[in-house]
């Protein structure tokens, strides 16, 4: 059973959580590179009998500064917290990233926030970590204040596979290119979207293949096309396999991106339910058909392929 996790919305943490290991970052997707970091932190936790805490930001700073950057996340905040629970984390500080906080001087972040409020024993960061007003602070600045603030910086080498650094940026590109097998390999699990089912134009139902329409919110947009998926409802352990179309439905002149999921061997009402959609494999790119008859024929071919993927 996964233990509960303490969530802070500010830096005023309890005395019992000071003197901990603090990992700082966005941790979007919590991929194998991140997992390597958490495994090392777990070893420190055991060796020094201290807690593990995470400092992360909401919204992600890159999305805050670029308001046009709507579809960017590999995972949402809820998914992130649930994954952190499984990594033996004791507490998470989800700091609201706003205009005021973005103007914090790097020296104040080090001395007033880390040194006075969090008082960590160890800080785990990547070597490219930047912080403070206009990203003026870096890891070297943190290291200079180790003795004064009584913490130690740990910056493990990034995880590489086939001479590629495993990063959230790299995995986003894999997802955008439809390379789900590689993306899932580097995530250490299948890439997943969580969203609420809304009522659409019911075009799928009219052509004989009813679908659940899911709002993808701020998730990164995978390559438009057809995917084999497995799906479960919120608070349920049961999975249903199915097929999903992510795209603009060019045959029906849809003008915005949609995720539509058709479940095998399922009957019931999914409106307003929250679904977790695991993307297993990319089947084909989205394309426009001359008529409904051609579309139906292709859907049957897609269904056959998807049913052979588990």
C-alpha atoms as a PDB file:
ATOM      1  CA  UNK A   1       0.000   0.000   0.000  1.00  0.00           C
ATOM      2  CA  UNK A   2       1.344   3.444  -0.984  1.00  0.00           C
ATOM      3  CA  UNK A   3       1.711   5.711   2.029  1.00  0.00           C
ATOM      4  CA  UNK A   4       0.194   9.174   2.291  1.00  0.00           C
ATOM      5  CA  UNK A   5       2.289  12.229   1.531  1.00  0.00           C
ATOM      6  CA  UNK A   6       2.319  15.640   3.189  1.00  0.00           C
ATOM      7  CA  UNK A   7       1.673  18.588   0.851  1.00  0.00           C
ATOM      8  CA  UNK A   8       2.816  22.134   1.634  1.00  0.00           C
ATOM      9  CA  UNK A   9       1.684  25.165  -0.367  1.00  0.00           C
ATOM     10  CA  UNK A  10       4.405  27.436   1.069  1.00  0.00           C
ATOM     11  CA  UNK A  11       7.855  27.259   2.647  1.00  0.00           C
ATOM     12  CA  UNK A  12       6.640  27.180   6.250  1.00  0.00           C
ATOM     13  CA  UNK A  13       7.335  23.501   6.816  1.00  0.00           C
ATOM     14  CA  UNK A  14       7.186  21.789  10.186  1.00  0.00           C
ATOM     15  CA  UNK A  15      10.291  21.541  12.359  1.00  0.00           C
ATOM     16  CA  UNK A  16      10.198  17.757  11.951  1.00  0.00           C
ATOM     17  CA  UNK A  17      10.614  18.178   8.170  1.00  0.00           C
ATOM     18  CA  UNK A  18      13.657  20.429   8.389  1.00  0.00           C
ATOM     19  CA  UNK A  19      17.076  18.827   8.045  1.00  0.00           C
ATOM     20  CA  UNK A  20      15.785  16.628   5.213  1.00  0.00           C
ATOM     21  CA  UNK A  21      16.891  15.771   1.719  1.00  0.00           C
ATOM     22  CA  UNK A  22      15.267  18.263  -0.686  1.00  0.00           C
ATOM     23  CA  UNK A  23      14.994  17.521  -4.408  1.00  0.00           C
ATOM     24  CA  UNK A  24      14.261  20.636  -6.463  1.00  0.00           C
ATOM     25  CA  UNK A  25      12.767  20.646  -9.958  1.00  0.00           C
ATOM     26  CA  UNK A  26       9.700  20.383 -12.169  1.00  0.00           C
ATOM     27  CA  UNK A  27       9.987  16.585 -12.430  1.00  0.00           C
ATOM     28  CA  UNK A  28       7.611  16.549 -15.391  1.00  0.00           C
ATOM     29  CA  UNK A  29       6.876  12.933 -16.300  1.00  0.00           C
ATOM     30  CA  UNK A  30       9.107  11.569 -13.522  1.00  0.00           C
ATOM     31  CA  UNK A  31      11.077   9.593 -16.093  1.00  0.00           C
ATOM     32  CA  UNK A  32      13.964   7.157 -15.586  1.00  0.00           C
ATOM     33  CA  UNK A  33      16.419  10.028 -15.137  1.00  0.00           C
ATOM     34  CA  UNK A  34      14.329  11.415 -12.277  1.00  0.00           C
ATOM     35  CA  UNK A  35      13.864   7.923 -10.863  1.00  0.00           C
ATOM     36  CA  UNK A  36      17.653   7.486 -10.706  1.00  0.00           C
ATOM     37  CA  UNK A  37      17.765  10.642  -8.586  1.00  0.00           C
ATOM     38  CA  UNK A  38      15.066   9.378  -6.227  1.00  0.00           C
ATOM     39  CA  UNK A  39      16.792   6.000  -5.824  1.00  0.00           C
ATOM     40  CA  UNK A  40      19.946   7.806  -4.740  1.00  0.00           C
ATOM     41  CA  UNK A  41      17.924   9.984  -2.349  1.00  0.00           C
ATOM     42  CA  UNK A  42      16.389   6.830  -0.893  1.00  0.00           C
ATOM     43  CA  UNK A  43      19.894   5.507  -0.170  1.00  0.00           C
ATOM     44  CA  UNK A  44      20.744   8.781   1.606  1.00  0.00           C
ATOM     45  CA  UNK A  45      17.500   8.546   3.563  1.00  0.00           C
ATOM     46  CA  UNK A  46      18.426   5.095   4.810  1.00  0.00           C
ATOM     47  CA  UNK A  47      22.044   6.024   5.567  1.00  0.00           C
ATOM     48  CA  UNK A  48      21.302   9.243   7.474  1.00  0.00           C
ATOM     49  CA  UNK A  49      17.820   8.391   8.837  1.00  0.00           C
ATOM     50  CA  UNK A  50      16.286  11.577   7.427  1.00  0.00           C
ATOM     51  CA  UNK A  51      13.226  12.433   5.334  1.00  0.00           C
ATOM     52  CA  UNK A  52      12.893  13.110   1.622  1.00  0.00           C
ATOM     53  CA  UNK A  53      11.120  16.261   0.462  1.00  0.00           C
ATOM     54  CA  UNK A  54      10.460  17.681  -2.990  1.00  0.00           C
ATOM     55  CA  UNK A  55      10.244  21.344  -3.969  1.00  0.00           C
ATOM     56  CA  UNK A  56       8.340  21.824  -7.213  1.00  0.00           C
ATOM     57  CA  UNK A  57       6.443  24.661  -8.865  1.00  0.00           C
ATOM     58  CA  UNK A  58       2.933  25.213 -10.182  1.00  0.00           C
ATOM     59  CA  UNK A  59       2.486  26.273 -12.896  1.00  0.00           C
ATOM     60  CA  UNK A  60       5.738  25.139 -14.445  1.00  0.00           C
ATOM     61  CA  UNK A  61       7.924  28.277 -14.804  1.00  0.00           C
ATOM     62  CA  UNK A  62       8.307  27.835 -18.557  1.00  0.00           C
ATOM     63  CA  UNK A  63       4.513  27.856 -18.969  1.00  0.00           C
ATOM     64  CA  UNK A  64       4.186  30.852 -16.658  1.00  0.00           C
ATOM     65  CA  UNK A  65       6.586  32.978 -18.704  1.00  0.00           C
ATOM     66  CA  UNK A  66       5.201  31.829 -22.060  1.00  0.00           C
ATOM     67  CA  UNK A  67       1.413  32.106 -21.925  1.00  0.00           C
ATOM     68  CA  UNK A  68       1.153  30.764 -25.475  1.00  0.00           C
ATOM     69  CA  UNK A  69       2.689  27.478 -24.335  1.00  0.00           C
ATOM     70  CA  UNK A  70      -0.547  25.622 -23.641  1.00  0.00           C
ATOM     71  CA  UNK A  71       0.216  21.984 -24.433  1.00  0.00           C
ATOM     72  CA  UNK A  72       3.458  21.139 -22.701  1.00  0.00           C
ATOM     73  CA  UNK A  73       3.050  18.761 -19.750  1.00  0.00           C
ATOM     74  CA  UNK A  74       3.950  15.084 -19.834  1.00  0.00           C
ATOM     75  CA  UNK A  75       1.977  14.567 -16.625  1.00  0.00           C
ATOM     76  CA  UNK A  76      -0.374  16.715 -14.565  1.00  0.00           C
ATOM     77  CA  UNK A  77       0.111  17.694 -10.929  1.00  0.00           C
ATOM     78  CA  UNK A  78      -2.104  14.912  -9.566  1.00  0.00           C
ATOM     79  CA  UNK A  79      -0.135  12.285 -11.474  1.00  0.00           C
ATOM     80  CA  UNK A  80       3.117  13.792 -10.236  1.00  0.00           C
ATOM     81  CA  UNK A  81       2.032  13.617  -6.595  1.00  0.00           C
ATOM     82  CA  UNK A  82       0.864  10.017  -6.954  1.00  0.00           C
ATOM     83  CA  UNK A  83       4.179   9.008  -8.486  1.00  0.00           C
ATOM     84  CA  UNK A  84       6.122  10.797  -5.745  1.00  0.00           C
ATOM     85  CA  UNK A  85       4.209   8.735  -3.191  1.00  0.00           C
ATOM     86  CA  UNK A  86       5.547   5.590  -4.815  1.00  0.00           C
ATOM     87  CA  UNK A  87       9.105   6.976  -4.663  1.00  0.00           C
ATOM     88  CA  UNK A  88       9.112   7.011  -0.845  1.00  0.00           C
ATOM     89  CA  UNK A  89       8.849  10.822  -0.620  1.00  0.00           C
ATOM     90  CA  UNK A  90       7.719  12.152   2.777  1.00  0.00           C
ATOM     91  CA  UNK A  91       6.559  15.640   1.807  1.00  0.00           C
ATOM     92  CA  UNK A  92       6.149  17.899  -1.219  1.00  0.00           C
ATOM     93  CA  UNK A  93       6.259  21.683  -1.369  1.00  0.00           C
ATOM     94  CA  UNK A  94       4.131  22.833  -4.319  1.00  0.00           C
ATOM     95  CA  UNK A  95       5.117  26.476  -4.585  1.00  0.00           C
ATOM     96  CA  UNK A  96       2.801  28.704  -6.607  1.00  0.00           C
ATOM     97  CA  UNK A  97       4.936  30.256  -9.327  1.00  0.00           C
ATOM     98  CA  UNK A  98       3.669  33.807  -9.798  1.00  0.00           C
ATOM     99  CA  UNK A  99       5.036  37.226 -10.735  1.00  0.00           C
ATOM    100  CA  UNK A 100       6.094  38.036  -7.179  1.00  0.00           C
ATOM    101  CA  UNK A 101       7.996  34.789  -6.643  1.00  0.00           C
ATOM    102  CA  UNK A 102       9.636  35.013 -10.083  1.00  0.00           C
ATOM    103  CA  UNK A 103      11.298  38.274  -8.989  1.00  0.00           C
ATOM    104  CA  UNK A 104      12.985  36.679  -5.951  1.00  0.00           C
ATOM    105  CA  UNK A 105      16.719  37.381  -6.012  1.00  0.00           C
ATOM    106  CA  UNK A 106      18.794  34.214  -6.186  1.00  0.00           C
ATOM    107  CA  UNK A 107      20.699  35.130  -3.008  1.00  0.00           C
ATOM    108  CA  UNK A 108      17.399  35.565  -1.146  1.00  0.00           C
ATOM    109  CA  UNK A 109      16.184  32.206  -2.413  1.00  0.00           C
ATOM    110  CA  UNK A 110      19.331  30.588  -1.040  1.00  0.00           C
ATOM    111  CA  UNK A 111      19.568  32.397   2.297  1.00  0.00           C
ATOM    112  CA  UNK A 112      15.996  33.296   3.242  1.00  0.00           C
ATOM    113  CA  UNK A 113      14.078  30.379   1.769  1.00  0.00           C
ATOM    114  CA  UNK A 114      16.478  27.436   1.686  1.00  0.00           C
ATOM    115  CA  UNK A 115      18.784  28.482   4.523  1.00  0.00           C
ATOM    116  CA  UNK A 116      16.239  29.893   6.997  1.00  0.00           C
ATOM    117  CA  UNK A 117      12.962  28.137   6.187  1.00  0.00           C
ATOM    118  CA  UNK A 118      13.713  24.719   4.696  1.00  0.00           C
ATOM    119  CA  UNK A 119      17.106  24.078   6.340  1.00  0.00           C
ATOM    120  CA  UNK A 120      17.853  20.948   4.302  1.00  0.00           C
ATOM    121  CA  UNK A 121      20.810  18.693   5.007  1.00  0.00           C
ATOM    122  CA  UNK A 122      21.174  17.729   1.351  1.00  0.00           C
ATOM    123  CA  UNK A 123      19.879  19.355  -1.850  1.00  0.00           C
ATOM    124  CA  UNK A 124      19.541  17.236  -4.977  1.00  0.00           C
ATOM    125  CA  UNK A 125      19.503  19.258  -8.212  1.00  0.00           C
ATOM    126  CA  UNK A 126      20.438  18.793 -11.850  1.00  0.00           C
ATOM    127  CA  UNK A 127      23.540  20.594 -13.058  1.00  0.00           C
ATOM    128  CA  UNK A 128      21.467  22.907 -15.294  1.00  0.00           C
ATOM    129  CA  UNK A 129      19.176  24.074 -12.467  1.00  0.00           C
ATOM    130  CA  UNK A 130      18.536  27.834 -12.655  1.00  0.00           C
ATOM    131  CA  UNK A 131      16.603  29.975 -10.207  1.00  0.00           C
ATOM    132  CA  UNK A 132      15.954  33.513  -9.050  1.00  0.00           C
ATOM    133  CA  UNK A 133      15.044  36.702 -10.883  1.00  0.00           C
ATOM    134  CA  UNK A 134      15.835  36.337 -14.605  1.00  0.00           C
ATOM    135  CA  UNK A 135      17.361  32.897 -13.877  1.00  0.00           C
ATOM    136  CA  UNK A 136      20.405  34.555 -12.358  1.00  0.00           C
ATOM    137  CA  UNK A 137      21.144  31.730  -9.899  1.00  0.00           C
ATOM    138  CA  UNK A 138      22.846  28.416 -10.703  1.00  0.00           C
ATOM    139  CA  UNK A 139      24.274  25.338  -9.021  1.00  0.00           C
ATOM    140  CA  UNK A 140      27.691  26.920  -8.529  1.00  0.00           C
ATOM    141  CA  UNK A 141      26.072  29.713  -6.507  1.00  0.00           C
ATOM    142  CA  UNK A 142      24.360  27.111  -4.322  1.00  0.00           C
ATOM    143  CA  UNK A 143      27.674  25.339  -3.770  1.00  0.00           C
ATOM    144  CA  UNK A 144      29.327  28.608  -2.663  1.00  0.00           C
ATOM    145  CA  UNK A 145      26.809  28.876   0.185  1.00  0.00           C
ATOM    146  CA  UNK A 146      27.008  25.276   1.397  1.00  0.00           C
ATOM    147  CA  UNK A 147      29.017  26.037   4.545  1.00  0.00           C
ATOM    148  CA  UNK A 148      27.153  29.231   5.409  1.00  0.00           C
ATOM    149  CA  UNK A 149      23.710  27.627   5.065  1.00  0.00           C
ATOM    150  CA  UNK A 150      24.753  24.207   6.349  1.00  0.00           C
ATOM    151  CA  UNK A 151      23.642  22.067   3.399  1.00  0.00           C
ATOM    152  CA  UNK A 152      25.392  19.867   0.848  1.00  0.00           C
ATOM    153  CA  UNK A 153      24.642  19.945  -2.881  1.00  0.00           C
ATOM    154  CA  UNK A 154      24.282  16.588  -4.655  1.00  0.00           C
ATOM    155  CA  UNK A 155      24.198  16.751  -8.458  1.00  0.00           C
ATOM    156  CA  UNK A 156      24.399  13.261  -9.987  1.00  0.00           C
ATOM    157  CA  UNK A 157      25.279  12.841 -13.637  1.00  0.00           C
ATOM    158  CA  UNK A 158      22.217  12.664 -15.916  1.00  0.00           C
ATOM    159  CA  UNK A 159      21.045   9.244 -17.040  1.00  0.00           C
ATOM    160  CA  UNK A 160      21.939   8.430 -20.639  1.00  0.00           C
ATOM    161  CA  UNK A 161      20.665   5.722 -22.972  1.00  0.00           C
ATOM    162  CA  UNK A 162      22.296   5.147 -26.368  1.00  0.00           C
ATOM    163  CA  UNK A 163      24.283   8.376 -25.832  1.00  0.00           C
ATOM    164  CA  UNK A 164      21.035  10.340 -25.320  1.00  0.00           C
ATOM    165  CA  UNK A 165      20.402  12.217 -22.077  1.00  0.00           C
ATOM    166  CA  UNK A 166      17.029  11.137 -20.681  1.00  0.00           C
ATOM    167  CA  UNK A 167      15.152  14.392 -20.100  1.00  0.00           C
ATOM    168  CA  UNK A 168      11.575  15.663 -20.124  1.00  0.00           C
ATOM    169  CA  UNK A 169      12.393  17.669 -23.265  1.00  0.00           C
ATOM    170  CA  UNK A 170      13.612  14.554 -25.066  1.00  0.00           C
ATOM    171  CA  UNK A 171      10.538  12.540 -24.040  1.00  0.00           C
ATOM    172  CA  UNK A 172       8.176  15.325 -25.158  1.00  0.00           C
ATOM    173  CA  UNK A 173       9.742  15.177 -28.628  1.00  0.00           C
ATOM    174  CA  UNK A 174       9.303  11.403 -28.734  1.00  0.00           C
ATOM    175  CA  UNK A 175       5.618  11.763 -27.828  1.00  0.00           C
ATOM    176  CA  UNK A 176       5.112  14.539 -30.377  1.00  0.00           C
ATOM    177  CA  UNK A 177       6.685  12.327 -33.052  1.00  0.00           C
ATOM    178  CA  UNK A 178       4.450   9.372 -32.185  1.00  0.00           C
ATOM    179  CA  UNK A 179       7.392   7.310 -30.908  1.00  0.00           C
ATOM    180  CA  UNK A 180       5.449   5.876 -27.968  1.00  0.00           C
ATOM    181  CA  UNK A 181       7.595   2.763 -27.569  1.00  0.00           C
ATOM    182  CA  UNK A 182      10.703   4.862 -26.901  1.00  0.00           C
ATOM    183  CA  UNK A 183       8.841   7.414 -24.780  1.00  0.00           C
ATOM    184  CA  UNK A 184       7.338   4.666 -22.624  1.00  0.00           C
ATOM    185  CA  UNK A 185      10.744   2.990 -22.315  1.00  0.00           C
ATOM    186  CA  UNK A 186      12.338   6.176 -20.974  1.00  0.00           C
ATOM    187  CA  UNK A 187       9.367   6.983 -18.735  1.00  0.00           C
ATOM    188  CA  UNK A 188       9.582   3.501 -17.235  1.00  0.00           C
ATOM    189  CA  UNK A 189       5.816   3.103 -17.766  1.00  0.00           C
ATOM    190  CA  UNK A 190       3.189   3.941 -20.376  1.00  0.00           C
ATOM    191  CA  UNK A 191       2.512   7.611 -21.047  1.00  0.00           C
ATOM    192  CA  UNK A 192      -0.858   8.501 -19.577  1.00  0.00           C
ATOM    193  CA  UNK A 193      -3.441  11.252 -19.886  1.00  0.00           C
ATOM    194  CA  UNK A 194      -6.110  11.862 -17.254  1.00  0.00           C
ATOM    195  CA  UNK A 195      -9.212  13.824 -18.191  1.00  0.00           C
ATOM    196  CA  UNK A 196     -12.944  14.306 -17.881  1.00  0.00           C
ATOM    197  CA  UNK A 197     -15.340  12.898 -20.453  1.00  0.00           C
ATOM    198  CA  UNK A 198     -17.469  15.567 -22.092  1.00  0.00           C
ATOM    199  CA  UNK A 199     -20.367  15.344 -24.507  1.00  0.00           C
ATOM    200  CA  UNK A 200     -19.311  15.936 -28.084  1.00  0.00           C
ATOM    201  CA  UNK A 201     -20.999  15.865 -31.480  1.00  0.00           C
ATOM    202  CA  UNK A 202     -21.632  12.103 -31.087  1.00  0.00           C
ATOM    203  CA  UNK A 203     -20.207  11.460 -34.542  1.00  0.00           C
ATOM    204  CA  UNK A 204     -18.579   8.220 -33.418  1.00  0.00           C
ATOM    205  CA  UNK A 205     -21.891   6.848 -32.237  1.00  0.00           C
ATOM    206  CA  UNK A 206     -23.569   7.817 -35.527  1.00  0.00           C
ATOM    207  CA  UNK A 207     -21.067   5.814 -37.575  1.00  0.00           C
ATOM    208  CA  UNK A 208     -21.222   2.789 -35.259  1.00  0.00           C
ATOM    209  CA  UNK A 209     -18.181   3.356 -33.031  1.00  0.00           C
ATOM    210  CA  UNK A 210     -19.175   5.329 -29.907  1.00  0.00           C
ATOM    211  CA  UNK A 211     -16.354   7.250 -28.279  1.00  0.00           C
ATOM    212  CA  UNK A 212     -15.627   9.101 -25.046  1.00  0.00           C
ATOM    213  CA  UNK A 213     -14.368  12.639 -25.705  1.00  0.00           C
ATOM    214  CA  UNK A 214     -11.644  13.675 -23.244  1.00  0.00           C
ATOM    215  CA  UNK A 215     -10.273  17.162 -22.642  1.00  0.00           C
ATOM    216  CA  UNK A 216      -6.460  16.935 -22.895  1.00  0.00           C
ATOM    217  CA  UNK A 217      -6.001  20.279 -21.077  1.00  0.00           C
ATOM    218  CA  UNK A 218      -2.288  21.217 -20.953  1.00  0.00           C
ATOM    219  CA  UNK A 219      -0.806  17.865 -21.894  1.00  0.00           C
ATOM    220  CA  UNK A 220       1.770  17.725 -24.665  1.00  0.00           C
ATOM    221  CA  UNK A 221       0.055  16.893 -27.954  1.00  0.00           C
ATOM    222  CA  UNK A 222       1.142  13.541 -29.290  1.00  0.00           C
ATOM    223  CA  UNK A 223       1.419  12.989 -33.028  1.00  0.00           C
ATOM    224  CA  UNK A 224      -2.156  13.198 -34.393  1.00  0.00           C
ATOM    225  CA  UNK A 225      -3.391   9.756 -35.260  1.00  0.00           C
ATOM    226  CA  UNK A 226      -4.733   6.458 -33.978  1.00  0.00           C
ATOM    227  CA  UNK A 227      -3.369   4.722 -30.867  1.00  0.00           C
ATOM    228  CA  UNK A 228      -3.894   1.462 -29.032  1.00  0.00           C
ATOM    229  CA  UNK A 229      -4.795   2.330 -25.422  1.00  0.00           C
ATOM    230  CA  UNK A 230      -5.913   0.868 -22.132  1.00  0.00           C
ATOM    231  CA  UNK A 231      -8.278   2.868 -19.968  1.00  0.00           C
ATOM    232  CA  UNK A 232      -9.635   2.849 -16.442  1.00  0.00           C
ATOM    233  CA  UNK A 233     -12.201   4.921 -14.616  1.00  0.00           C
ATOM    234  CA  UNK A 234     -11.343   6.985 -11.549  1.00  0.00           C
ATOM    235  CA  UNK A 235     -11.269   4.915  -8.330  1.00  0.00           C
ATOM    236  CA  UNK A 236     -11.363   1.668 -10.293  1.00  0.00           C
ATOM    237  CA  UNK A 237      -8.633  -0.922 -10.729  1.00  0.00           C
ATOM    238  CA  UNK A 238     -10.201  -2.470 -13.818  1.00  0.00           C
ATOM    239  CA  UNK A 239      -8.709  -1.691 -17.230  1.00  0.00           C
ATOM    240  CA  UNK A 240     -10.512  -1.694 -20.555  1.00  0.00           C
ATOM    241  CA  UNK A 241      -8.521  -1.966 -23.753  1.00  0.00           C
ATOM    242  CA  UNK A 242      -9.472   0.220 -26.644  1.00  0.00           C
ATOM    243  CA  UNK A 243      -8.492   2.491 -29.485  1.00  0.00           C
ATOM    244  CA  UNK A 244      -8.063   6.252 -29.448  1.00  0.00           C
ATOM    245  CA  UNK A 245      -8.003   8.962 -32.060  1.00  0.00           C
ATOM    246  CA  UNK A 246      -6.047  12.062 -31.170  1.00  0.00           C
ATOM    247  CA  UNK A 247      -6.436  14.834 -33.686  1.00  0.00           C
ATOM    248  CA  UNK A 248      -8.679  17.170 -35.618  1.00  0.00           C
ATOM    249  CA  UNK A 249     -10.980  14.664 -37.367  1.00  0.00           C
ATOM    250  CA  UNK A 250     -10.302  16.084 -40.848  1.00  0.00           C
ATOM    251  CA  UNK A 251     -13.140  14.022 -42.340  1.00  0.00           C
ATOM    252  CA  UNK A 252     -15.554  16.030 -40.165  1.00  0.00           C
ATOM    253  CA  UNK A 253     -13.679  19.370 -40.324  1.00  0.00           C
ATOM    254  CA  UNK A 254     -12.995  19.518 -36.582  1.00  0.00           C
ATOM    255  CA  UNK A 255     -11.102  22.739 -35.770  1.00  0.00           C
ATOM    256  CA  UNK A 256      -9.612  21.807 -32.387  1.00  0.00           C
ATOM    257  CA  UNK A 257      -7.606  18.906 -31.038  1.00  0.00           C
ATOM    258  CA  UNK A 258      -9.686  16.098 -29.521  1.00  0.00           C
ATOM    259  CA  UNK A 259      -8.956  12.816 -27.782  1.00  0.00           C
ATOM    260  CA  UNK A 260     -11.656  10.242 -28.550  1.00  0.00           C
ATOM    261  CA  UNK A 261     -11.547   6.781 -27.010  1.00  0.00           C
ATOM    262  CA  UNK A 262     -13.526   3.717 -28.096  1.00  0.00           C
ATOM    263  CA  UNK A 263     -13.477   0.902 -25.507  1.00  0.00           C
ATOM    264  CA  UNK A 264     -13.711  -2.783 -26.357  1.00  0.00           C
ATOM    265  CA  UNK A 265     -16.345  -4.835 -24.506  1.00  0.00           C
ATOM    266  CA  UNK A 266     -17.734  -1.866 -22.598  1.00  0.00           C
ATOM    267  CA  UNK A 267     -21.260  -0.576 -22.160  1.00  0.00           C
ATOM    268  CA  UNK A 268     -22.318   2.269 -19.923  1.00  0.00           C
ATOM    269  CA  UNK A 269     -22.416   6.034 -19.523  1.00  0.00           C
ATOM    270  CA  UNK A 270     -19.025   7.752 -19.144  1.00  0.00           C
ATOM    271  CA  UNK A 271     -20.159  11.385 -19.327  1.00  0.00           C
ATOM    272  CA  UNK A 272     -18.518  13.557 -16.638  1.00  0.00           C
ATOM    273  CA  UNK A 273     -16.382  10.604 -15.495  1.00  0.00           C
ATOM    274  CA  UNK A 274     -12.614  10.933 -15.149  1.00  0.00           C
ATOM    275  CA  UNK A 275     -10.618   8.466 -17.205  1.00  0.00           C
ATOM    276  CA  UNK A 276      -6.968   7.488 -17.204  1.00  0.00           C
ATOM    277  CA  UNK A 277      -5.803   6.730 -20.748  1.00  0.00           C
ATOM    278  CA  UNK A 278      -2.570   4.745 -21.179  1.00  0.00           C
ATOM    279  CA  UNK A 279      -1.038   5.109 -24.643  1.00  0.00           C
ATOM    280  CA  UNK A 280       0.355   1.729 -25.679  1.00  0.00           C
ATOM    281  CA  UNK A 281       1.305   2.084 -29.339  1.00  0.00           C
ATOM    282  CA  UNK A 282       0.945   4.414 -32.319  1.00  0.00           C
ATOM    283  CA  UNK A 283      -1.046   2.689 -35.087  1.00  0.00           C
ATOM    284  CA  UNK A 284      -1.289   5.240 -37.895  1.00  0.00           C
ATOM    285  CA  UNK A 285      -1.345   8.934 -38.722  1.00  0.00           C
ATOM    286  CA  UNK A 286      -4.603  10.858 -38.973  1.00  0.00           C
ATOM    287  CA  UNK A 287      -5.934  11.390 -42.475  1.00  0.00           C
ATOM    288  CA  UNK A 288      -9.002  12.650 -44.296  1.00  0.00           C
ATOM    289  CA  UNK A 289     -11.368  10.163 -45.924  1.00  0.00           C
ATOM    290  CA  UNK A 290     -13.601  10.811 -48.941  1.00  0.00           C
ATOM    291  CA  UNK A 291     -16.700   9.476 -47.238  1.00  0.00           C
ATOM    292  CA  UNK A 292     -18.054   7.700 -44.133  1.00  0.00           C
ATOM    293  CA  UNK A 293     -17.893   4.299 -45.823  1.00  0.00           C
ATOM    294  CA  UNK A 294     -14.109   4.579 -46.275  1.00  0.00           C
ATOM    295  CA  UNK A 295     -13.727   5.789 -42.717  1.00  0.00           C
ATOM    296  CA  UNK A 296     -15.704   2.822 -41.320  1.00  0.00           C
ATOM    297  CA  UNK A 297     -13.572   0.417 -43.348  1.00  0.00           C
ATOM    298  CA  UNK A 298     -10.351   1.920 -41.981  1.00  0.00           C
ATOM    299  CA  UNK A 299     -11.663   1.944 -38.407  1.00  0.00           C
ATOM    300  CA  UNK A 300     -12.309  -1.817 -38.640  1.00  0.00           C
ATOM    301  CA  UNK A 301      -8.705  -2.325 -39.755  1.00  0.00           C
ATOM    302  CA  UNK A 302      -7.470  -0.129 -36.883  1.00  0.00           C
ATOM    303  CA  UNK A 303      -9.594  -2.023 -34.366  1.00  0.00           C
ATOM    304  CA  UNK A 304      -8.140  -5.347 -35.485  1.00  0.00           C
ATOM    305  CA  UNK A 305      -4.596  -4.023 -35.029  1.00  0.00           C
ATOM    306  CA  UNK A 306      -5.361  -2.481 -31.637  1.00  0.00           C
ATOM    307  CA  UNK A 307      -6.924  -5.693 -30.311  1.00  0.00           C
ATOM    308  CA  UNK A 308      -3.621  -7.502 -30.925  1.00  0.00           C
ATOM    309  CA  UNK A 309      -1.686  -4.991 -28.781  1.00  0.00           C
ATOM    310  CA  UNK A 310      -1.544  -5.516 -25.020  1.00  0.00           C
END
